[in-house]
Amino acid sequence: MDSRRKHRKHQNLKLNELLDLKNNTSMKKNKLKSFQQHLEEQYGKQGTPTRDEFEAGYEAFKLGVLLREMRNEQGITQEQLAEKCGTTKSYISRIENNASDIRLSTIMRIFRDGFGKQLRLSVN
């Protein structure tokens, strides 16, 4: 009977923890904010110009990180990648370092010719 009581008590504690998370009370007690709350405070709600600009920059950043990781996994330099896909080392560097105004056709060619991969886009 003692082990059942301990098990039930443990389950109740877990349930309370889950309820706290659901109700966000533990975050309120500690004055913590969710990532979504932070984004809204810093950049505004989704659909506002400031937030849209942030989101677009974040997507460009992710693309640059993805390119760099794939290039490093294959053990090739920026110059070697540029040569494989008919662009310049500085262009590869600009993409990896979150530059703006990157042409979609060039990005697609880099992934296709440089890595043998297809780039997929989605609209949310």
PDB file of N, CA and C in Angstrom:
ATOM      1  N   MET A   1       0.815  -1.183   0.000  1.00  0.00           N
ATOM      2  CA  MET A   1       0.000   0.000   0.000  1.00  0.00           C
ATOM      3  C   MET A   1       0.868   1.261   0.000  1.00  0.00           C
ATOM      4  N   ASP A   2       1.975   1.222   0.709  1.00  0.00           N
ATOM      5  CA  ASP A   2       2.867   2.366   0.774  1.00  0.00           C
ATOM      6  C   ASP A   2       3.424   2.704  -0.618  1.00  0.00           C
ATOM      7  N   SER A   3       3.765   1.693  -1.410  1.00  0.00           N
ATOM      8  CA  SER A   3       4.303   1.946  -2.748  1.00  0.00           C
ATOM      9  C   SER A   3       3.228   2.529  -3.666  1.00  0.00           C
ATOM     10  N   ARG A   4       1.974   2.112  -3.479  1.00  0.00           N
ATOM     11  CA  ARG A   4       0.880   2.688  -4.277  1.00  0.00           C
ATOM     12  C   ARG A   4       0.697   4.167  -3.959  1.00  0.00           C
ATOM     13  N   ARG A   5       0.793   4.483  -2.690  1.00  0.00           N
ATOM     14  CA  ARG A   5       0.635   5.867  -2.256  1.00  0.00           C
ATOM     15  C   ARG A   5       1.756   6.731  -2.840  1.00  0.00           C
ATOM     16  N   LYS A   6       2.981   6.214  -2.807  1.00  0.00           N
ATOM     17  CA  LYS A   6       4.114   6.944  -3.376  1.00  0.00           C
ATOM     18  C   LYS A   6       3.925   7.145  -4.887  1.00  0.00           C
ATOM     19  N   HIS A   7       3.468   6.097  -5.551  1.00  0.00           N
ATOM     20  CA  HIS A   7       3.249   6.170  -6.992  1.00  0.00           C
ATOM     21  C   HIS A   7       2.170   7.209  -7.320  1.00  0.00           C
ATOM     22  N   ARG A   8       1.079   7.198  -6.563  1.00  0.00           N
ATOM     23  CA  ARG A   8      -0.006   8.147  -6.776  1.00  0.00           C
ATOM     24  C   ARG A   8       0.484   9.578  -6.515  1.00  0.00           C
ATOM     25  N   LYS A   9       1.269   9.741  -5.460  1.00  0.00           N
ATOM     26  CA  LYS A   9       1.807  11.059  -5.135  1.00  0.00           C
ATOM     27  C   LYS A   9       2.714  11.552  -6.271  1.00  0.00           C
ATOM     28  N   HIS A  10       3.530  10.642  -6.792  1.00  0.00           N
ATOM     29  CA  HIS A  10       4.417  10.984  -7.909  1.00  0.00           C
ATOM     30  C   HIS A  10       3.595  11.395  -9.137  1.00  0.00           C
ATOM     31  N   GLN A  11       2.535  10.647  -9.425  1.00  0.00           N
ATOM     32  CA  GLN A  11       1.680  10.970 -10.552  1.00  0.00           C
ATOM     33  C   GLN A  11       1.015  12.330 -10.358  1.00  0.00           C
ATOM     34  N   ASN A  12       0.571  12.600  -9.161  1.00  0.00           N
ATOM     35  CA  ASN A  12      -0.055  13.896  -8.875  1.00  0.00           C
ATOM     36  C   ASN A  12       0.929  15.045  -9.049  1.00  0.00           C
ATOM     37  N   LEU A  13       2.182  14.835  -8.627  1.00  0.00           N
ATOM     38  CA  LEU A  13       3.198  15.867  -8.807  1.00  0.00           C
ATOM     39  C   LEU A  13       3.435  16.126 -10.289  1.00  0.00           C
ATOM     40  N   LYS A  14       3.544  15.059 -11.074  1.00  0.00           N
ATOM     41  CA  LYS A  14       3.745  15.197 -12.510  1.00  0.00           C
ATOM     42  C   LYS A  14       2.569  15.931 -13.149  1.00  0.00           C
ATOM     43  N   LEU A  15       1.368  15.558 -12.747  1.00  0.00           N
ATOM     44  CA  LEU A  15       0.173  16.197 -13.274  1.00  0.00           C
ATOM     45  C   LEU A  15       0.160  17.686 -12.937  1.00  0.00           C
ATOM     46  N   ASN A  16       0.518  18.007 -11.711  1.00  0.00           N
ATOM     47  CA  ASN A  16       0.573  19.420 -11.316  1.00  0.00           C
ATOM     48  C   ASN A  16       1.622  20.189 -12.116  1.00  0.00           C
ATOM     49  N   GLU A  17       2.772  19.547 -12.365  1.00  0.00           N
ATOM     50  CA  GLU A  17       3.803  20.191 -13.185  1.00  0.00           C
ATOM     51  C   GLU A  17       3.278  20.473 -14.584  1.00  0.00           C
ATOM     52  N   LEU A  18       2.587  19.500 -15.159  1.00  0.00           N
ATOM     53  CA  LEU A  18       2.025  19.686 -16.495  1.00  0.00           C
ATOM     54  C   LEU A  18       0.973  20.787 -16.506  1.00  0.00           C
ATOM     55  N   LEU A  19       0.145  20.814 -15.483  1.00  0.00           N
ATOM     56  CA  LEU A  19      -0.869  21.862 -15.403  1.00  0.00           C
ATOM     57  C   LEU A  19      -0.223  23.235 -15.249  1.00  0.00           C
ATOM     58  N   ASP A  20       0.848  23.308 -14.458  1.00  0.00           N
ATOM     59  CA  ASP A  20       1.575  24.569 -14.312  1.00  0.00           C
ATOM     60  C   ASP A  20       2.115  25.033 -15.658  1.00  0.00           C
ATOM     61  N   LEU A  21       2.674  24.102 -16.413  1.00  0.00           N
ATOM     62  CA  LEU A  21       3.193  24.466 -17.720  1.00  0.00           C
ATOM     63  C   LEU A  21       2.072  24.931 -18.635  1.00  0.00           C
ATOM     64  N   LYS A  22       0.972  24.191 -18.604  1.00  0.00           N
ATOM     65  CA  LYS A  22      -0.163  24.555 -19.443  1.00  0.00           C
ATOM     66  C   LYS A  22      -0.678  25.938 -19.089  1.00  0.00           C
ATOM     67  N   ASN A  23      -0.800  26.196 -17.854  1.00  0.00           N
ATOM     68  CA  ASN A  23      -1.316  27.488 -17.408  1.00  0.00           C
ATOM     69  C   ASN A  23      -0.244  28.566 -17.359  1.00  0.00           C
ATOM     70  N   ASN A  24       0.996  28.150 -17.604  1.00  0.00           N
ATOM     71  CA  ASN A  24       2.114  29.071 -17.630  1.00  0.00           C
ATOM     72  C   ASN A  24       2.361  29.721 -16.268  1.00  0.00           C
ATOM     73  N   THR A  25       1.870  29.096 -15.195  1.00  0.00           N
ATOM     74  CA  THR A  25       2.018  29.712 -13.874  1.00  0.00           C
ATOM     75  C   THR A  25       3.461  29.688 -13.404  1.00  0.00           C
ATOM     76  N   SER A  26       4.193  28.625 -13.754  1.00  0.00           N
ATOM     77  CA  SER A  26       5.585  28.590 -13.311  1.00  0.00           C
ATOM     78  C   SER A  26       6.382  29.688 -13.982  1.00  0.00           C
ATOM     79  N   MET A  27       6.059  30.006 -15.239  1.00  0.00           N
ATOM     80  CA  MET A  27       6.747  31.093 -15.932  1.00  0.00           C
ATOM     81  C   MET A  27       6.364  32.439 -15.325  1.00  0.00           C
ATOM     82  N   LYS A  28       5.092  32.588 -14.935  1.00  0.00           N
ATOM     83  CA  LYS A  28       4.644  33.840 -14.336  1.00  0.00           C
ATOM     84  C   LYS A  28       5.314  34.064 -12.989  1.00  0.00           C
ATOM     85  N   LYS A  29       5.444  32.992 -12.206  1.00  0.00           N
ATOM     86  CA  LYS A  29       6.079  33.114 -10.889  1.00  0.00           C
ATOM     87  C   LYS A  29       7.510  33.608 -11.022  1.00  0.00           C
ATOM     88  N   ASN A  30       8.216  33.101 -12.037  1.00  0.00           N
ATOM     89  CA  ASN A  30       9.617  33.453 -12.231  1.00  0.00           C
ATOM     90  C   ASN A  30       9.802  34.629 -13.190  1.00  0.00           C
ATOM     91  N   LYS A  31       8.694  35.204 -13.637  1.00  0.00           N
ATOM     92  CA  LYS A  31       8.716  36.325 -14.578  1.00  0.00           C
ATOM     93  C   LYS A  31       9.448  35.977 -15.865  1.00  0.00           C
ATOM     94  N   LEU A  32       9.362  34.716 -16.263  1.00  0.00           N
ATOM     95  CA  LEU A  32       9.949  34.269 -17.517  1.00  0.00           C
ATOM     96  C   LEU A  32       8.951  34.485 -18.637  1.00  0.00           C
ATOM     97  N   LYS A  33       9.461  34.659 -19.835  1.00  0.00           N
ATOM     98  CA  LYS A  33       8.606  34.856 -20.994  1.00  0.00           C
ATOM     99  C   LYS A  33       8.850  33.732 -21.983  1.00  0.00           C
ATOM    100  N   SER A  34       7.818  33.398 -22.710  1.00  0.00           N
ATOM    101  CA  SER A  34       7.988  32.408 -23.764  1.00  0.00           C
ATOM    102  C   SER A  34       8.742  33.070 -24.913  1.00  0.00           C
ATOM    103  N   PHE A  35       9.256  32.258 -25.807  1.00  0.00           N
ATOM    104  CA  PHE A  35       9.968  32.793 -26.962  1.00  0.00           C
ATOM    105  C   PHE A  35       9.014  33.632 -27.815  1.00  0.00           C
ATOM    106  N   GLN A  36       7.793  33.162 -27.958  1.00  0.00           N
ATOM    107  CA  GLN A  36       6.784  33.900 -28.724  1.00  0.00           C
ATOM    108  C   GLN A  36       6.529  35.273 -28.111  1.00  0.00           C
ATOM    109  N   GLN A  37       6.418  35.332 -26.776  1.00  0.00           N
ATOM    110  CA  GLN A  37       6.216  36.612 -26.095  1.00  0.00           C
ATOM    111  C   GLN A  37       7.400  37.543 -26.329  1.00  0.00           C
ATOM    112  N   HIS A  38       8.599  36.980 -26.266  1.00  0.00           N
ATOM    113  CA  HIS A  38       9.808  37.772 -26.495  1.00  0.00           C
ATOM    114  C   HIS A  38       9.809  38.348 -27.905  1.00  0.00           C
ATOM    115  N   LEU A  39       9.492  37.502 -28.898  1.00  0.00           N
ATOM    116  CA  LEU A  39       9.463  37.983 -30.276  1.00  0.00           C
ATOM    117  C   LEU A  39       8.450  39.111 -30.455  1.00  0.00           C
ATOM    118  N   GLU A  40       7.278  38.942 -29.855  1.00  0.00           N
ATOM    119  CA  GLU A  40       6.250  39.963 -29.991  1.00  0.00           C
ATOM    120  C   GLU A  40       6.668  41.275 -29.332  1.00  0.00           C
ATOM    121  N   GLU A  41       7.357  41.197 -28.199  1.00  0.00           N
ATOM    122  CA  GLU A  41       7.821  42.416 -27.534  1.00  0.00           C
ATOM    123  C   GLU A  41       8.922  43.105 -28.335  1.00  0.00           C
ATOM    124  N   GLN A  42       9.830  42.312 -28.881  1.00  0.00           N
ATOM    125  CA  GLN A  42      10.966  42.871 -29.606  1.00  0.00           C
ATOM    126  C   GLN A  42      10.602  43.337 -31.016  1.00  0.00           C
ATOM    127  N   TYR A  43       9.783  42.536 -31.729  1.00  0.00           N
ATOM    128  CA  TYR A  43       9.550  42.780 -33.157  1.00  0.00           C
ATOM    129  C   TYR A  43       8.092  42.980 -33.523  1.00  0.00           C
ATOM    130  N   GLY A  44       7.201  42.897 -32.569  1.00  0.00           N
ATOM    131  CA  GLY A  44       5.780  43.079 -32.851  1.00  0.00           C
ATOM    132  C   GLY A  44       5.106  41.769 -33.209  1.00  0.00           C
ATOM    133  N   LYS A  45       3.813  41.832 -33.389  1.00  0.00           N
ATOM    134  CA  LYS A  45       3.036  40.635 -33.730  1.00  0.00           C
ATOM    135  C   LYS A  45       3.301  40.248 -35.176  1.00  0.00           C
ATOM    136  N   GLN A  46       3.033  38.965 -35.485  1.00  0.00           N
ATOM    137  CA  GLN A  46       3.194  38.490 -36.848  1.00  0.00           C
ATOM    138  C   GLN A  46       2.322  39.312 -37.778  1.00  0.00           C
ATOM    139  N   GLY A  47       2.881  39.652 -38.934  1.00  0.00           N
ATOM    140  CA  GLY A  47       2.145  40.445 -39.907  1.00  0.00           C
ATOM    141  C   GLY A  47       2.477  41.919 -39.876  1.00  0.00           C
ATOM    142  N   THR A  48       3.184  42.357 -38.827  1.00  0.00           N
ATOM    143  CA  THR A  48       3.597  43.760 -38.776  1.00  0.00           C
ATOM    144  C   THR A  48       4.893  43.909 -39.576  1.00  0.00           C
ATOM    145  N   PRO A  49       5.160  45.097 -40.120  1.00  0.00           N
ATOM    146  CA  PRO A  49       6.370  45.284 -40.938  1.00  0.00           C
ATOM    147  C   PRO A  49       7.670  44.906 -40.215  1.00  0.00           C
ATOM    148  N   THR A  50       7.781  45.307 -38.949  1.00  0.00           N
ATOM    149  CA  THR A  50       9.007  45.006 -38.203  1.00  0.00           C
ATOM    150  C   THR A  50       9.189  43.500 -38.033  1.00  0.00           C
ATOM    151  N   ARG A  51       8.112  42.811 -37.695  1.00  0.00           N
ATOM    152  CA  ARG A  51       8.187  41.359 -37.502  1.00  0.00           C
ATOM    153  C   ARG A  51       8.473  40.661 -38.828  1.00  0.00           C
ATOM    154  N   ASP A  52       7.831  41.111 -39.911  1.00  0.00           N
ATOM    155  CA  ASP A  52       8.071  40.515 -41.224  1.00  0.00           C
ATOM    156  C   ASP A  52       9.533  40.659 -41.631  1.00  0.00           C
ATOM    157  N   GLU A  53      10.108  41.816 -41.341  1.00  0.00           N
ATOM    158  CA  GLU A  53      11.521  42.047 -41.661  1.00  0.00           C
ATOM    159  C   GLU A  53      12.415  41.103 -40.853  1.00  0.00           C
ATOM    160  N   PHE A  54      12.087  40.947 -39.573  1.00  0.00           N
ATOM    161  CA  PHE A  54      12.843  40.015 -38.731  1.00  0.00           C
ATOM    162  C   PHE A  54      12.749  38.592 -39.270  1.00  0.00           C
ATOM    163  N   GLU A  55      11.535  38.148 -39.604  1.00  0.00           N
ATOM    164  CA  GLU A  55      11.319  36.786 -40.096  1.00  0.00           C
ATOM    165  C   GLU A  55      12.087  36.543 -41.394  1.00  0.00           C
ATOM    166  N   ALA A  56      12.068  37.521 -42.296  1.00  0.00           N
ATOM    167  CA  ALA A  56      12.795  37.381 -43.569  1.00  0.00           C
ATOM    168  C   ALA A  56      14.297  37.271 -43.310  1.00  0.00           C
ATOM    169  N   GLY A  57      14.801  38.075 -42.404  1.00  0.00           N
ATOM    170  CA  GLY A  57      16.226  38.005 -42.066  1.00  0.00           C
ATOM    171  C   GLY A  57      16.595  36.673 -41.452  1.00  0.00           C
ATOM    172  N   TYR A  58      15.702  36.144 -40.645  1.00  0.00           N
ATOM    173  CA  TYR A  58      15.951  34.856 -40.013  1.00  0.00           C
ATOM    174  C   TYR A  58      16.006  33.751 -41.063  1.00  0.00           C
ATOM    175  N   GLU A  59      15.133  33.801 -42.060  1.00  0.00           N
ATOM    176  CA  GLU A  59      15.137  32.794 -43.125  1.00  0.00           C
ATOM    177  C   GLU A  59      16.443  32.866 -43.918  1.00  0.00           C
ATOM    178  N   ALA A  60      16.918  34.067 -44.202  1.00  0.00           N
ATOM    179  CA  ALA A  60      18.187  34.227 -44.910  1.00  0.00           C
ATOM    180  C   ALA A  60      19.338  33.675 -44.071  1.00  0.00           C
ATOM    181  N   PHE A  61      19.287  33.928 -42.781  1.00  0.00           N
ATOM    182  CA  PHE A  61      20.306  33.411 -41.861  1.00  0.00           C
ATOM    183  C   PHE A  61      20.326  31.882 -41.889  1.00  0.00           C
ATOM    184  N   LYS A  62      19.134  31.263 -41.823  1.00  0.00           N
ATOM    185  CA  LYS A  62      19.049  29.798 -41.837  1.00  0.00           C
ATOM    186  C   LYS A  62      19.619  29.228 -43.132  1.00  0.00           C
ATOM    187  N   LEU A  63      19.340  29.893 -44.234  1.00  0.00           N
ATOM    188  CA  LEU A  63      19.852  29.434 -45.522  1.00  0.00           C
ATOM    189  C   LEU A  63      21.379  29.475 -45.539  1.00  0.00           C
ATOM    190  N   GLY A  64      21.938  30.548 -45.007  1.00  0.00           N
ATOM    191  CA  GLY A  64      23.396  30.670 -44.944  1.00  0.00           C
ATOM    192  C   GLY A  64      24.023  29.599 -44.067  1.00  0.00           C
ATOM    193  N   VAL A  65      23.408  29.312 -42.935  1.00  0.00           N
ATOM    194  CA  VAL A  65      23.907  28.271 -42.031  1.00  0.00           C
ATOM    195  C   VAL A  65      23.828  26.904 -42.711  1.00  0.00           C
ATOM    196  N   LEU A  66      22.707  26.631 -43.374  1.00  0.00           N
ATOM    197  CA  LEU A  66      22.543  25.370 -44.084  1.00  0.00           C
ATOM    198  C   LEU A  66      23.614  25.200 -45.149  1.00  0.00           C
ATOM    199  N   LEU A  67      23.858  26.238 -45.912  1.00  0.00           N
ATOM    200  CA  LEU A  67      24.882  26.183 -46.961  1.00  0.00           C
ATOM    201  C   LEU A  67      26.258  25.899 -46.370  1.00  0.00           C
ATOM    202  N   ARG A  68      26.609  26.621 -45.312  1.00  0.00           N
ATOM    203  CA  ARG A  68      27.914  26.431 -44.675  1.00  0.00           C
ATOM    204  C   ARG A  68      28.059  25.015 -44.113  1.00  0.00           C
ATOM    205  N   GLU A  69      27.011  24.516 -43.455  1.00  0.00           N
ATOM    206  CA  GLU A  69      27.076  23.170 -42.887  1.00  0.00           C
ATOM    207  C   GLU A  69      27.246  22.116 -43.971  1.00  0.00           C
ATOM    208  N   MET A  70      26.505  22.241 -45.054  1.00  0.00           N
ATOM    209  CA  MET A  70      26.622  21.266 -46.140  1.00  0.00           C
ATOM    210  C   MET A  70      28.010  21.325 -46.778  1.00  0.00           C
ATOM    211  N   ARG A  71      28.517  22.529 -46.951  1.00  0.00           N
ATOM    212  CA  ARG A  71      29.846  22.686 -47.542  1.00  0.00           C
ATOM    213  C   ARG A  71      30.910  22.076 -46.639  1.00  0.00           C
ATOM    214  N   ASN A  72      30.801  22.317 -45.342  1.00  0.00           N
ATOM    215  CA  ASN A  72      31.771  21.755 -44.396  1.00  0.00           C
ATOM    216  C   ASN A  72      31.671  20.230 -44.315  1.00  0.00           C
ATOM    217  N   GLU A  73      30.429  19.697 -44.372  1.00  0.00           N
ATOM    218  CA  GLU A  73      30.261  18.247 -44.350  1.00  0.00           C
ATOM    219  C   GLU A  73      30.937  17.583 -45.545  1.00  0.00           C
ATOM    220  N   GLN A  74      30.898  18.266 -46.677  1.00  0.00           N
ATOM    221  CA  GLN A  74      31.521  17.711 -47.876  1.00  0.00           C
ATOM    222  C   GLN A  74      33.014  18.042 -47.958  1.00  0.00           C
ATOM    223  N   GLY A  75      33.483  18.856 -47.029  1.00  0.00           N
ATOM    224  CA  GLY A  75      34.907  19.177 -46.959  1.00  0.00           C
ATOM    225  C   GLY A  75      35.399  20.002 -48.134  1.00  0.00           C
ATOM    226  N   ILE A  76      34.556  20.906 -48.616  1.00  0.00           N
ATOM    227  CA  ILE A  76      34.987  21.762 -49.727  1.00  0.00           C
ATOM    228  C   ILE A  76      35.023  23.220 -49.286  1.00  0.00           C
ATOM    229  N   THR A  77      35.849  23.978 -49.941  1.00  0.00           N
ATOM    230  CA  THR A  77      35.994  25.394 -49.617  1.00  0.00           C
ATOM    231  C   THR A  77      34.923  26.194 -50.351  1.00  0.00           C
ATOM    232  N   GLN A  78      34.793  27.445 -49.974  1.00  0.00           N
ATOM    233  CA  GLN A  78      33.873  28.335 -50.678  1.00  0.00           C
ATOM    234  C   GLN A  78      34.277  28.456 -52.141  1.00  0.00           C
ATOM    235  N   GLU A  79      35.559  28.538 -52.367  1.00  0.00           N
ATOM    236  CA  GLU A  79      36.068  28.667 -53.736  1.00  0.00           C
ATOM    237  C   GLU A  79      35.737  27.425 -54.570  1.00  0.00           C
ATOM    238  N   GLN A  80      35.910  26.248 -53.984  1.00  0.00           N
ATOM    239  CA  GLN A  80      35.592  25.013 -54.703  1.00  0.00           C
ATOM    240  C   GLN A  80      34.094  24.924 -55.013  1.00  0.00           C
ATOM    241  N   LEU A  81      33.263  25.300 -54.060  1.00  0.00           N
ATOM    242  CA  LEU A  81      31.822  25.281 -54.281  1.00  0.00           C
ATOM    243  C   LEU A  81      31.444  26.268 -55.376  1.00  0.00           C
ATOM    244  N   ALA A  82      32.010  27.458 -55.328  1.00  0.00           N
ATOM    245  CA  ALA A  82      31.716  28.481 -56.332  1.00  0.00           C
ATOM    246  C   ALA A  82      32.094  27.988 -57.726  1.00  0.00           C
ATOM    247  N   GLU A  83      33.223  27.329 -57.819  1.00  0.00           N
ATOM    248  CA  GLU A  83      33.685  26.796 -59.105  1.00  0.00           C
ATOM    249  C   GLU A  83      32.724  25.733 -59.649  1.00  0.00           C
ATOM    250  N   LYS A  84      32.222  24.868 -58.755  1.00  0.00           N
ATOM    251  CA  LYS A  84      31.303  23.802 -59.162  1.00  0.00           C
ATOM    252  C   LYS A  84      29.990  24.348 -59.713  1.00  0.00           C
ATOM    253  N   CYS A  85      29.558  25.484 -59.217  1.00  0.00           N
ATOM    254  CA  CYS A  85      28.234  25.971 -59.616  1.00  0.00           C
ATOM    255  C   CYS A  85      28.264  27.290 -60.377  1.00  0.00           C
ATOM    256  N   GLY A  86      29.430  27.708 -60.808  1.00  0.00           N
ATOM    257  CA  GLY A  86      29.518  28.863 -61.696  1.00  0.00           C
ATOM    258  C   GLY A  86      29.240  30.209 -61.053  1.00  0.00           C
ATOM    259  N   THR A  87      29.694  30.370 -59.844  1.00  0.00           N
ATOM    260  CA  THR A  87      29.556  31.677 -59.192  1.00  0.00           C
ATOM    261  C   THR A  87      30.901  32.033 -58.566  1.00  0.00           C
ATOM    262  N   THR A  88      30.921  33.033 -57.723  1.00  0.00           N
ATOM    263  CA  THR A  88      32.194  33.460 -57.132  1.00  0.00           C
ATOM    264  C   THR A  88      32.254  33.104 -55.645  1.00  0.00           C
ATOM    265  N   LYS A  89      33.483  33.042 -55.146  1.00  0.00           N
ATOM    266  CA  LYS A  89      33.699  32.777 -53.727  1.00  0.00           C
ATOM    267  C   LYS A  89      33.032  33.850 -52.874  1.00  0.00           C
ATOM    268  N   SER A  90      33.113  35.098 -53.312  1.00  0.00           N
ATOM    269  CA  SER A  90      32.525  36.184 -52.530  1.00  0.00           C
ATOM    270  C   SER A  90      31.003  36.051 -52.459  1.00  0.00           C
ATOM    271  N   TYR A  91      30.382  35.523 -53.511  1.00  0.00           N
ATOM    272  CA  TYR A  91      28.936  35.327 -53.486  1.00  0.00           C
ATOM    273  C   TYR A  91      28.563  34.241 -52.483  1.00  0.00           C
ATOM    274  N   ILE A  92      29.331  33.151 -52.469  1.00  0.00           N
ATOM    275  CA  ILE A  92      29.107  32.076 -51.487  1.00  0.00           C
ATOM    276  C   ILE A  92      29.278  32.642 -50.081  1.00  0.00           C
ATOM    277  N   SER A  93      30.294  33.441 -49.887  1.00  0.00           N
ATOM    278  CA  SER A  93      30.553  34.053 -48.588  1.00  0.00           C
ATOM    279  C   SER A  93      29.399  34.965 -48.175  1.00  0.00           C
ATOM    280  N   ARG A  94      28.883  35.747 -49.107  1.00  0.00           N
ATOM    281  CA  ARG A  94      27.756  36.644 -48.801  1.00  0.00           C
ATOM    282  C   ARG A  94      26.547  35.852 -48.328  1.00  0.00           C
ATOM    283  N   ILE A  95      26.268  34.727 -48.978  1.00  0.00           N
ATOM    284  CA  ILE A  95      25.125  33.905 -48.575  1.00  0.00           C
ATOM    285  C   ILE A  95      25.357  33.346 -47.177  1.00  0.00           C
ATOM    286  N   GLU A  96      26.544  32.805 -46.944  1.00  0.00           N
ATOM    287  CA  GLU A  96      26.852  32.209 -45.641  1.00  0.00           C
ATOM    288  C   GLU A  96      26.850  33.232 -44.519  1.00  0.00           C
ATOM    289  N   ASN A  97      27.118  34.478 -44.856  1.00  0.00           N
ATOM    290  CA  ASN A  97      27.176  35.527 -43.835  1.00  0.00           C
ATOM    291  C   ASN A  97      25.934  36.406 -43.832  1.00  0.00           C
ATOM    292  N   ASN A  98      24.815  35.825 -44.310  1.00  0.00           N
ATOM    293  CA  ASN A  98      23.511  36.454 -44.163  1.00  0.00           C
ATOM    294  C   ASN A  98      23.352  37.735 -44.974  1.00  0.00           C
ATOM    295  N   ALA A  99      23.876  37.735 -46.192  1.00  0.00           N
ATOM    296  CA  ALA A  99      23.686  38.903 -47.046  1.00  0.00           C
ATOM    297  C   ALA A  99      22.268  38.910 -47.606  1.00  0.00           C
ATOM    298  N   SER A 100      21.827  40.065 -48.025  1.00  0.00           N
ATOM    299  CA  SER A 100      20.489  40.153 -48.599  1.00  0.00           C
ATOM    300  C   SER A 100      20.582  40.167 -50.123  1.00  0.00           C
ATOM    301  N   ASP A 101      19.428  40.173 -50.760  1.00  0.00           N
ATOM    302  CA  ASP A 101      19.326  40.241 -52.214  1.00  0.00           C
ATOM    303  C   ASP A 101      20.051  39.100 -52.916  1.00  0.00           C
ATOM    304  N   ILE A 102      19.833  37.908 -52.454  1.00  0.00           N
ATOM    305  CA  ILE A 102      20.389  36.718 -53.094  1.00  0.00           C
ATOM    306  C   ILE A 102      19.358  36.218 -54.088  1.00  0.00           C
ATOM    307  N   ARG A 103      19.774  35.939 -55.301  1.00  0.00           N
ATOM    308  CA  ARG A 103      18.850  35.472 -56.335  1.00  0.00           C
ATOM    309  C   ARG A 103      18.460  34.023 -56.085  1.00  0.00           C
ATOM    310  N   LEU A 104      17.169  33.755 -56.187  1.00  0.00           N
ATOM    311  CA  LEU A 104      16.658  32.407 -55.980  1.00  0.00           C
ATOM    312  C   LEU A 104      17.242  31.440 -56.995  1.00  0.00           C
ATOM    313  N   SER A 105      17.351  31.855 -58.233  1.00  0.00           N
ATOM    314  CA  SER A 105      17.896  30.967 -59.273  1.00  0.00           C
ATOM    315  C   SER A 105      19.339  30.563 -58.953  1.00  0.00           C
ATOM    316  N   THR A 106      20.104  31.482 -58.400  1.00  0.00           N
ATOM    317  CA  THR A 106      21.496  31.176 -58.041  1.00  0.00           C
ATOM    318  C   THR A 106      21.540  30.229 -56.854  1.00  0.00           C
ATOM    319  N   ILE A 107      20.691  30.460 -55.865  1.00  0.00           N
ATOM    320  CA  ILE A 107      20.630  29.564 -54.700  1.00  0.00           C
ATOM    321  C   ILE A 107      20.292  28.145 -55.161  1.00  0.00           C
ATOM    322  N   MET A 108      19.308  28.045 -56.027  1.00  0.00           N
ATOM    323  CA  MET A 108      18.894  26.725 -56.521  1.00  0.00           C
ATOM    324  C   MET A 108      20.041  26.056 -57.278  1.00  0.00           C
ATOM    325  N   ARG A 109      20.769  26.826 -58.087  1.00  0.00           N
ATOM    326  CA  ARG A 109      21.902  26.285 -58.840  1.00  0.00           C
ATOM    327  C   ARG A 109      23.018  25.831 -57.898  1.00  0.00           C
ATOM    328  N   ILE A 110      23.249  26.583 -56.842  1.00  0.00           N
ATOM    329  CA  ILE A 110      24.302  26.200 -55.880  1.00  0.00           C
ATOM    330  C   ILE A 110      23.978  24.846 -55.253  1.00  0.00           C
ATOM    331  N   PHE A 111      22.737  24.678 -54.802  1.00  0.00           N
ATOM    332  CA  PHE A 111      22.362  23.403 -54.182  1.00  0.00           C
ATOM    333  C   PHE A 111      22.338  22.268 -55.208  1.00  0.00           C
ATOM    334  N   ARG A 112      21.875  22.554 -56.418  1.00  0.00           N
ATOM    335  CA  ARG A 112      21.790  21.517 -57.456  1.00  0.00           C
ATOM    336  C   ARG A 112      23.184  21.125 -57.961  1.00  0.00           C
ATOM    337  N   ASP A 113      23.955  22.109 -58.432  1.00  0.00           N
ATOM    338  CA  ASP A 113      25.256  21.812 -59.032  1.00  0.00           C
ATOM    339  C   ASP A 113      26.355  21.597 -58.006  1.00  0.00           C
ATOM    340  N   GLY A 114      26.256  22.306 -56.897  1.00  0.00           N
ATOM    341  CA  GLY A 114      27.302  22.206 -55.881  1.00  0.00           C
ATOM    342  C   GLY A 114      27.164  20.998 -54.974  1.00  0.00           C
ATOM    343  N   PHE A 115      25.913  20.595 -54.695  1.00  0.00           N
ATOM    344  CA  PHE A 115      25.686  19.502 -53.756  1.00  0.00           C
ATOM    345  C   PHE A 115      24.869  18.350 -54.330  1.00  0.00           C
ATOM    346  N   GLY A 116      24.322  18.537 -55.524  1.00  0.00           N
ATOM    347  CA  GLY A 116      23.467  17.503 -56.097  1.00  0.00           C
ATOM    348  C   GLY A 116      22.138  17.378 -55.361  1.00  0.00           C
ATOM    349  N   LYS A 117      21.666  18.481 -54.807  1.00  0.00           N
ATOM    350  CA  LYS A 117      20.425  18.492 -54.019  1.00  0.00           C
ATOM    351  C   LYS A 117      19.414  19.431 -54.668  1.00  0.00           C
ATOM    352  N   GLN A 118      18.146  19.149 -54.406  1.00  0.00           N
ATOM    353  CA  GLN A 118      17.061  20.028 -54.856  1.00  0.00           C
ATOM    354  C   GLN A 118      16.621  20.879 -53.676  1.00  0.00           C
ATOM    355  N   LEU A 119      16.433  22.147 -53.929  1.00  0.00           N
ATOM    356  CA  LEU A 119      15.957  23.062 -52.909  1.00  0.00           C
ATOM    357  C   LEU A 119      14.441  23.129 -53.008  1.00  0.00           C
ATOM    358  N   ARG A 120      13.754  22.954 -51.890  1.00  0.00           N
ATOM    359  CA  ARG A 120      12.299  23.042 -51.850  1.00  0.00           C
ATOM    360  C   ARG A 120      11.889  24.262 -51.066  1.00  0.00           C
ATOM    361  N   LEU A 121      10.892  24.926 -51.559  1.00  0.00           N
ATOM    362  CA  LEU A 121      10.348  26.094 -50.869  1.00  0.00           C
ATOM    363  C   LEU A 121       8.940  25.772 -50.419  1.00  0.00           C
ATOM    364  N   SER A 122       8.509  26.415 -49.359  1.00  0.00           N
ATOM    365  CA  SER A 122       7.125  26.252 -48.929  1.00  0.00           C
ATOM    366  C   SER A 122       6.567  27.626 -48.572  1.00  0.00           C
ATOM    367  N   VAL A 123       5.279  27.738 -48.708  1.00  0.00           N
ATOM    368  CA  VAL A 123       4.596  28.968 -48.360  1.00  0.00           C
ATOM    369  C   VAL A 123       3.677  28.642 -47.197  1.00  0.00           C
ATOM    370  N   ASN A 124       3.830  29.373 -46.109  1.00  0.00           N
ATOM    371  CA  ASN A 124       3.017  29.149 -44.921  1.00  0.00           C
ATOM    372  C   ASN A 124       2.054  30.283 -44.722  1.00  0.00           C
TER     373      ASN A 124
END
